[in-house]
Amino acid sequence: MRHANQLFGIFERLEHEKIFSGTGMGLAIVKRVVDRHDGQVWAEAVVDQGATFFFSLPSKESVSQPEAA
């Protein structure tokens, strides 16, 4: 969890490419989409047990709708 602030950055590689392949864009894209919908995204991890990623979005009722003309 010491690198939690880097998880959702563009091209932030926390492991060597030989261990985990990829471009480094996946979590950054997820965060951007969730942020644009006023949601939250986070991760929780335990050493030698892996990580779990979560996101939440506001309910439809809590999102203000534009007034009809």
PDB file of N, CA and C in Angstrom:
ATOM      1  N   MET A   1       0.821  -1.197   0.000  1.00  0.00           N
ATOM      2  CA  MET A   1       0.000   0.000   0.000  1.00  0.00           C
ATOM      3  C   MET A   1       0.865   1.261   0.000  1.00  0.00           C
ATOM      4  N   ARG A   2       2.163   1.103   0.154  1.00  0.00           N
ATOM      5  CA  ARG A   2       3.013   2.297   0.160  1.00  0.00           C
ATOM      6  C   ARG A   2       3.034   2.994  -1.200  1.00  0.00           C
ATOM      7  N   HIS A   3       2.613   2.301  -2.250  1.00  0.00           N
ATOM      8  CA  HIS A   3       2.571   2.896  -3.585  1.00  0.00           C
ATOM      9  C   HIS A   3       1.135   3.207  -4.031  1.00  0.00           C
ATOM     10  N   ALA A   4       0.208   3.211  -3.117  1.00  0.00           N
ATOM     11  CA  ALA A   4      -1.207   3.400  -3.458  1.00  0.00           C
ATOM     12  C   ALA A   4      -1.446   4.691  -4.236  1.00  0.00           C
ATOM     13  N   ASN A   5      -0.703   5.731  -3.920  1.00  0.00           N
ATOM     14  CA  ASN A   5      -0.899   7.010  -4.616  1.00  0.00           C
ATOM     15  C   ASN A   5      -0.443   6.949  -6.069  1.00  0.00           C
ATOM     16  N   GLN A   6       0.306   5.920  -6.458  1.00  0.00           N
ATOM     17  CA  GLN A   6       0.792   5.784  -7.825  1.00  0.00           C
ATOM     18  C   GLN A   6      -0.056   4.837  -8.666  1.00  0.00           C
ATOM     19  N   LEU A   7      -0.947   4.091  -8.067  1.00  0.00           N
ATOM     20  CA  LEU A   7      -1.682   3.048  -8.780  1.00  0.00           C
ATOM     21  C   LEU A   7      -2.446   3.542  -9.993  1.00  0.00           C
ATOM     22  N   PHE A   8      -3.024   4.720  -9.908  1.00  0.00           N
ATOM     23  CA  PHE A   8      -3.918   5.187 -10.957  1.00  0.00           C
ATOM     24  C   PHE A   8      -3.280   6.244 -11.858  1.00  0.00           C
ATOM     25  N   GLY A   9      -1.973   6.381 -11.788  1.00  0.00           N
ATOM     26  CA  GLY A   9      -1.273   7.331 -12.642  1.00  0.00           C
ATOM     27  C   GLY A   9      -0.970   6.722 -14.002  1.00  0.00           C
ATOM     28  N   ILE A  10      -0.927   7.572 -15.017  1.00  0.00           N
ATOM     29  CA  ILE A  10      -0.627   7.100 -16.366  1.00  0.00           C
ATOM     30  C   ILE A  10       0.823   6.644 -16.430  1.00  0.00           C
ATOM     31  N   PHE A  11       1.030   5.474 -16.972  1.00  0.00           N
ATOM     32  CA  PHE A  11       2.344   4.866 -17.178  1.00  0.00           C
ATOM     33  C   PHE A  11       3.117   4.644 -15.890  1.00  0.00           C
ATOM     34  N   GLU A  12       2.435   4.502 -14.770  1.00  0.00           N
ATOM     35  CA  GLU A  12       3.113   4.193 -13.514  1.00  0.00           C
ATOM     36  C   GLU A  12       3.274   2.682 -13.413  1.00  0.00           C
ATOM     37  N   ARG A  13       4.465   2.189 -13.611  1.00  0.00           N
ATOM     38  CA  ARG A  13       4.730   0.761 -13.524  1.00  0.00           C
ATOM     39  C   ARG A  13       5.326   0.477 -12.153  1.00  0.00           C
ATOM     40  N   LEU A  14       4.620  -0.349 -11.371  1.00  0.00           N
ATOM     41  CA  LEU A  14       5.079  -0.664 -10.027  1.00  0.00           C
ATOM     42  C   LEU A  14       5.825  -1.994  -9.980  1.00  0.00           C
ATOM     43  N   GLU A  15       5.685  -2.799 -11.012  1.00  0.00           N
ATOM     44  CA  GLU A  15       6.390  -4.070 -11.109  1.00  0.00           C
ATOM     45  C   GLU A  15       7.149  -4.105 -12.427  1.00  0.00           C
ATOM     46  N   HIS A  16       8.163  -4.928 -12.493  1.00  0.00           N
ATOM     47  CA  HIS A  16       8.937  -5.059 -13.726  1.00  0.00           C
ATOM     48  C   HIS A  16       8.051  -5.645 -14.825  1.00  0.00           C
ATOM     49  N   GLU A  17       8.275  -5.218 -16.056  1.00  0.00           N
ATOM     50  CA  GLU A  17       7.466  -5.644 -17.196  1.00  0.00           C
ATOM     51  C   GLU A  17       7.455  -7.163 -17.365  1.00  0.00           C
ATOM     52  N   LYS A  18       8.516  -7.834 -16.949  1.00  0.00           N
ATOM     53  CA  LYS A  18       8.561  -9.297 -17.055  1.00  0.00           C
ATOM     54  C   LYS A  18       7.572  -9.961 -16.099  1.00  0.00           C
ATOM     55  N   ILE A  19       7.232  -9.282 -15.021  1.00  0.00           N
ATOM     56  CA  ILE A  19       6.283  -9.836 -14.048  1.00  0.00           C
ATOM     57  C   ILE A  19       4.850  -9.568 -14.495  1.00  0.00           C
ATOM     58  N   PHE A  20       4.567  -8.341 -14.886  1.00  0.00           N
ATOM     59  CA  PHE A  20       3.238  -7.949 -15.354  1.00  0.00           C
ATOM     60  C   PHE A  20       3.384  -7.152 -16.639  1.00  0.00           C
ATOM     61  N   SER A  21       2.831  -7.685 -17.719  1.00  0.00           N
ATOM     62  CA  SER A  21       2.892  -6.954 -18.984  1.00  0.00           C
ATOM     63  C   SER A  21       1.782  -5.905 -19.023  1.00  0.00           C
ATOM     64  N   GLY A  22       1.841  -5.033 -19.990  1.00  0.00           N
ATOM     65  CA  GLY A  22       0.801  -4.026 -20.145  1.00  0.00           C
ATOM     66  C   GLY A  22       1.392  -2.670 -20.428  1.00  0.00           C
ATOM     67  N   THR A  23       0.492  -1.728 -20.724  1.00  0.00           N
ATOM     68  CA  THR A  23       0.931  -0.385 -21.112  1.00  0.00           C
ATOM     69  C   THR A  23       0.976   0.582 -19.950  1.00  0.00           C
ATOM     70  N   GLY A  24       0.310   0.259 -18.847  1.00  0.00           N
ATOM     71  CA  GLY A  24       0.239   1.185 -17.734  1.00  0.00           C
ATOM     72  C   GLY A  24      -0.923   2.144 -17.851  1.00  0.00           C
ATOM     73  N   MET A  25      -1.837   1.893 -18.775  1.00  0.00           N
ATOM     74  CA  MET A  25      -2.967   2.792 -19.003  1.00  0.00           C
ATOM     75  C   MET A  25      -4.256   2.326 -18.338  1.00  0.00           C
ATOM     76  N   GLY A  26      -4.407   1.050 -18.084  1.00  0.00           N
ATOM     77  CA  GLY A  26      -5.674   0.489 -17.629  1.00  0.00           C
ATOM     78  C   GLY A  26      -6.289   1.165 -16.417  1.00  0.00           C
ATOM     79  N   LEU A  27      -5.576   1.222 -15.314  1.00  0.00           N
ATOM     80  CA  LEU A  27      -6.125   1.824 -14.099  1.00  0.00           C
ATOM     81  C   LEU A  27      -6.305   3.327 -14.241  1.00  0.00           C
ATOM     82  N   ALA A  28      -5.452   3.967 -15.031  1.00  0.00           N
ATOM     83  CA  ALA A  28      -5.603   5.412 -15.263  1.00  0.00           C
ATOM     84  C   ALA A  28      -6.896   5.691 -16.025  1.00  0.00           C
ATOM     85  N   ILE A  29      -7.218   4.848 -17.002  1.00  0.00           N
ATOM     86  CA  ILE A  29      -8.463   5.010 -17.758  1.00  0.00           C
ATOM     87  C   ILE A  29      -9.659   4.784 -16.854  1.00  0.00           C
ATOM     88  N   VAL A  30      -9.601   3.738 -16.035  1.00  0.00           N
ATOM     89  CA  VAL A  30     -10.700   3.467 -15.099  1.00  0.00           C
ATOM     90  C   VAL A  30     -10.925   4.670 -14.196  1.00  0.00           C
ATOM     91  N   LYS A  31      -9.861   5.211 -13.627  1.00  0.00           N
ATOM     92  CA  LYS A  31     -10.003   6.355 -12.726  1.00  0.00           C
ATOM     93  C   LYS A  31     -10.603   7.549 -13.436  1.00  0.00           C
ATOM     94  N   ARG A  32     -10.177   7.798 -14.651  1.00  0.00           N
ATOM     95  CA  ARG A  32     -10.694   8.954 -15.389  1.00  0.00           C
ATOM     96  C   ARG A  32     -12.193   8.815 -15.657  1.00  0.00           C
ATOM     97  N   VAL A  33     -12.633   7.632 -16.069  1.00  0.00           N
ATOM     98  CA  VAL A  33     -14.053   7.405 -16.332  1.00  0.00           C
ATOM     99  C   VAL A  33     -14.866   7.554 -15.049  1.00  0.00           C
ATOM    100  N   VAL A  34     -14.407   6.927 -13.975  1.00  0.00           N
ATOM    101  CA  VAL A  34     -15.132   6.990 -12.702  1.00  0.00           C
ATOM    102  C   VAL A  34     -15.165   8.425 -12.180  1.00  0.00           C
ATOM    103  N   ASP A  35     -14.050   9.148 -12.277  1.00  0.00           N
ATOM    104  CA  ASP A  35     -14.017  10.552 -11.854  1.00  0.00           C
ATOM    105  C   ASP A  35     -15.030  11.395 -12.628  1.00  0.00           C
ATOM    106  N   ARG A  36     -15.135  11.168 -13.911  1.00  0.00           N
ATOM    107  CA  ARG A  36     -16.070  11.954 -14.740  1.00  0.00           C
ATOM    108  C   ARG A  36     -17.524  11.695 -14.374  1.00  0.00           C
ATOM    109  N   HIS A  37     -17.771  10.595 -13.706  1.00  0.00           N
ATOM    110  CA  HIS A  37     -19.133  10.274 -13.266  1.00  0.00           C
ATOM    111  C   HIS A  37     -19.300  10.520 -11.769  1.00  0.00           C
ATOM    112  N   ASP A  38     -18.408  11.346 -11.211  1.00  0.00           N
ATOM    113  CA  ASP A  38     -18.442  11.724  -9.796  1.00  0.00           C
ATOM    114  C   ASP A  38     -18.358  10.520  -8.858  1.00  0.00           C
ATOM    115  N   GLY A  39     -17.602   9.532  -9.262  1.00  0.00           N
ATOM    116  CA  GLY A  39     -17.434   8.342  -8.442  1.00  0.00           C
ATOM    117  C   GLY A  39     -16.084   8.309  -7.758  1.00  0.00           C
ATOM    118  N   GLN A  40     -15.809   7.190  -7.149  1.00  0.00           N
ATOM    119  CA  GLN A  40     -14.527   6.981  -6.460  1.00  0.00           C
ATOM    120  C   GLN A  40     -13.970   5.633  -6.882  1.00  0.00           C
ATOM    121  N   VAL A  41     -12.653   5.529  -6.925  1.00  0.00           N
ATOM    122  CA  VAL A  41     -11.975   4.274  -7.216  1.00  0.00           C
ATOM    123  C   VAL A  41     -10.819   4.136  -6.231  1.00  0.00           C
ATOM    124  N   TRP A  42     -10.613   2.917  -5.717  1.00  0.00           N
ATOM    125  CA  TRP A  42      -9.552   2.690  -4.748  1.00  0.00           C
ATOM    126  C   TRP A  42      -9.153   1.221  -4.760  1.00  0.00           C
ATOM    127  N   ALA A  43      -8.058   0.937  -4.106  1.00  0.00           N
ATOM    128  CA  ALA A  43      -7.548  -0.432  -4.009  1.00  0.00           C
ATOM    129  C   ALA A  43      -7.206  -0.737  -2.567  1.00  0.00           C
ATOM    130  N   GLU A  44      -7.329  -2.013  -2.233  1.00  0.00           N
ATOM    131  CA  GLU A  44      -6.899  -2.517  -0.934  1.00  0.00           C
ATOM    132  C   GLU A  44      -6.026  -3.735  -1.198  1.00  0.00           C
ATOM    133  N   ALA A  45      -4.925  -3.843  -0.478  1.00  0.00           N
ATOM    134  CA  ALA A  45      -3.993  -4.946  -0.714  1.00  0.00           C
ATOM    135  C   ALA A  45      -3.465  -5.504   0.598  1.00  0.00           C
ATOM    136  N   VAL A  46      -3.095  -6.775   0.536  1.00  0.00           N
ATOM    137  CA  VAL A  46      -2.454  -7.454   1.653  1.00  0.00           C
ATOM    138  C   VAL A  46      -1.227  -8.163   1.084  1.00  0.00           C
ATOM    139  N   VAL A  47      -0.094  -7.996   1.727  1.00  0.00           N
ATOM    140  CA  VAL A  47       1.159  -8.591   1.263  1.00  0.00           C
ATOM    141  C   VAL A  47       0.974 -10.090   1.065  1.00  0.00           C
ATOM    142  N   ASP A  48       1.434 -10.586  -0.070  1.00  0.00           N
ATOM    143  CA  ASP A  48       1.372 -12.000  -0.455  1.00  0.00           C
ATOM    144  C   ASP A  48      -0.042 -12.539  -0.621  1.00  0.00           C
ATOM    145  N   GLN A  49      -1.046 -11.652  -0.643  1.00  0.00           N
ATOM    146  CA  GLN A  49      -2.424 -12.105  -0.868  1.00  0.00           C
ATOM    147  C   GLN A  49      -3.076 -11.387  -2.032  1.00  0.00           C
ATOM    148  N   GLY A  50      -2.413 -10.401  -2.607  1.00  0.00           N
ATOM    149  CA  GLY A  50      -2.943  -9.711  -3.770  1.00  0.00           C
ATOM    150  C   GLY A  50      -3.688  -8.442  -3.429  1.00  0.00           C
ATOM    151  N   ALA A  51      -4.318  -7.892  -4.449  1.00  0.00           N
ATOM    152  CA  ALA A  51      -5.032  -6.623  -4.302  1.00  0.00           C
ATOM    153  C   ALA A  51      -6.443  -6.766  -4.854  1.00  0.00           C
ATOM    154  N   THR A  52      -7.339  -5.972  -4.311  1.00  0.00           N
ATOM    155  CA  THR A  52      -8.714  -5.893  -4.790  1.00  0.00           C
ATOM    156  C   THR A  52      -8.985  -4.438  -5.129  1.00  0.00           C
ATOM    157  N   PHE A  53      -9.567  -4.219  -6.293  1.00  0.00           N
ATOM    158  CA  PHE A  53      -9.889  -2.872  -6.751  1.00  0.00           C
ATOM    159  C   PHE A  53     -11.385  -2.660  -6.660  1.00  0.00           C
ATOM    160  N   PHE A  54     -11.771  -1.457  -6.245  1.00  0.00           N
ATOM    161  CA  PHE A  54     -13.172  -1.116  -6.048  1.00  0.00           C
ATOM    162  C   PHE A  54     -13.486   0.189  -6.768  1.00  0.00           C
ATOM    163  N   PHE A  55     -14.755   0.368  -7.112  1.00  0.00           N
ATOM    164  CA  PHE A  55     -15.220   1.673  -7.561  1.00  0.00           C
ATOM    165  C   PHE A  55     -16.665   1.834  -7.120  1.00  0.00           C
ATOM    166  N   SER A  56     -17.063   3.076  -6.969  1.00  0.00           N
ATOM    167  CA  SER A  56     -18.451   3.376  -6.640  1.00  0.00           C
ATOM    168  C   SER A  56     -18.886   4.562  -7.473  1.00  0.00           C
ATOM    169  N   LEU A  57     -20.153   4.564  -7.813  1.00  0.00           N
ATOM    170  CA  LEU A  57     -20.749   5.657  -8.569  1.00  0.00           C
ATOM    171  C   LEU A  57     -21.951   6.151  -7.798  1.00  0.00           C
ATOM    172  N   PRO A  58     -22.269   7.449  -7.908  1.00  0.00           N
ATOM    173  CA  PRO A  58     -23.438   7.953  -7.187  1.00  0.00           C
ATOM    174  C   PRO A  58     -24.714   7.321  -7.752  1.00  0.00           C
ATOM    175  N   SER A  59     -25.710   7.182  -6.901  1.00  0.00           N
ATOM    176  CA  SER A  59     -26.980   6.626  -7.361  1.00  0.00           C
ATOM    177  C   SER A  59     -27.664   7.599  -8.305  1.00  0.00           C
ATOM    178  N   LYS A  60     -28.535   7.078  -9.126  1.00  0.00           N
ATOM    179  CA  LYS A  60     -29.250   7.909 -10.101  1.00  0.00           C
ATOM    180  C   LYS A  60     -30.027   9.019  -9.398  1.00  0.00           C
ATOM    181  N   GLU A  61     -30.568   8.723  -8.217  1.00  0.00           N
ATOM    182  CA  GLU A  61     -31.344   9.713  -7.469  1.00  0.00           C
ATOM    183  C   GLU A  61     -30.486  10.867  -6.946  1.00  0.00           C
ATOM    184  N   SER A  62     -29.208  10.608  -6.704  1.00  0.00           N
ATOM    185  CA  SER A  62     -28.347  11.655  -6.123  1.00  0.00           C
ATOM    186  C   SER A  62     -27.724  12.553  -7.191  1.00  0.00           C
ATOM    187  N   VAL A  63     -27.873  12.191  -8.449  1.00  0.00           N
ATOM    188  CA  VAL A  63     -27.315  12.995  -9.536  1.00  0.00           C
ATOM    189  C   VAL A  63     -28.352  14.027  -9.944  1.00  0.00           C
ATOM    190  N   SER A  64     -27.966  15.294  -9.924  1.00  0.00           N
ATOM    191  CA  SER A  64     -28.920  16.355 -10.288  1.00  0.00           C
ATOM    192  C   SER A  64     -29.186  16.307 -11.788  1.00  0.00           C
ATOM    193  N   GLN A  65     -30.437  16.392 -12.141  1.00  0.00           N
ATOM    194  CA  GLN A  65     -30.871  16.384 -13.534  1.00  0.00           C
ATOM    195  C   GLN A  65     -31.095  17.808 -14.004  1.00  0.00           C
ATOM    196  N   PRO A  66     -30.763  18.108 -15.262  1.00  0.00           N
ATOM    197  CA  PRO A  66     -31.032  19.458 -15.778  1.00  0.00           C
ATOM    198  C   PRO A  66     -32.541  19.697 -15.845  1.00  0.00           C
ATOM    199  N   GLU A  67     -32.944  20.930 -15.573  1.00  0.00           N
ATOM    200  CA  GLU A  67     -34.360  21.261 -15.606  1.00  0.00           C
ATOM    201  C   GLU A  67     -34.855  21.346 -17.045  1.00  0.00           C
ATOM    202  N   ALA A  68     -36.072  20.868 -17.265  1.00  0.00           N
ATOM    203  CA  ALA A  68     -36.674  20.920 -18.591  1.00  0.00           C
ATOM    204  C   ALA A  68     -37.088  22.356 -18.919  1.00  0.00           C
ATOM    205  N   ALA A  69     -36.964  22.737 -20.161  1.00  0.00           N
ATOM    206  CA  ALA A  69     -37.305  24.101 -20.581  1.00  0.00           C
ATOM    207  C   ALA A  69     -38.783  24.253 -20.832  1.00  0.00           C
TER     208      ALA A  69
END
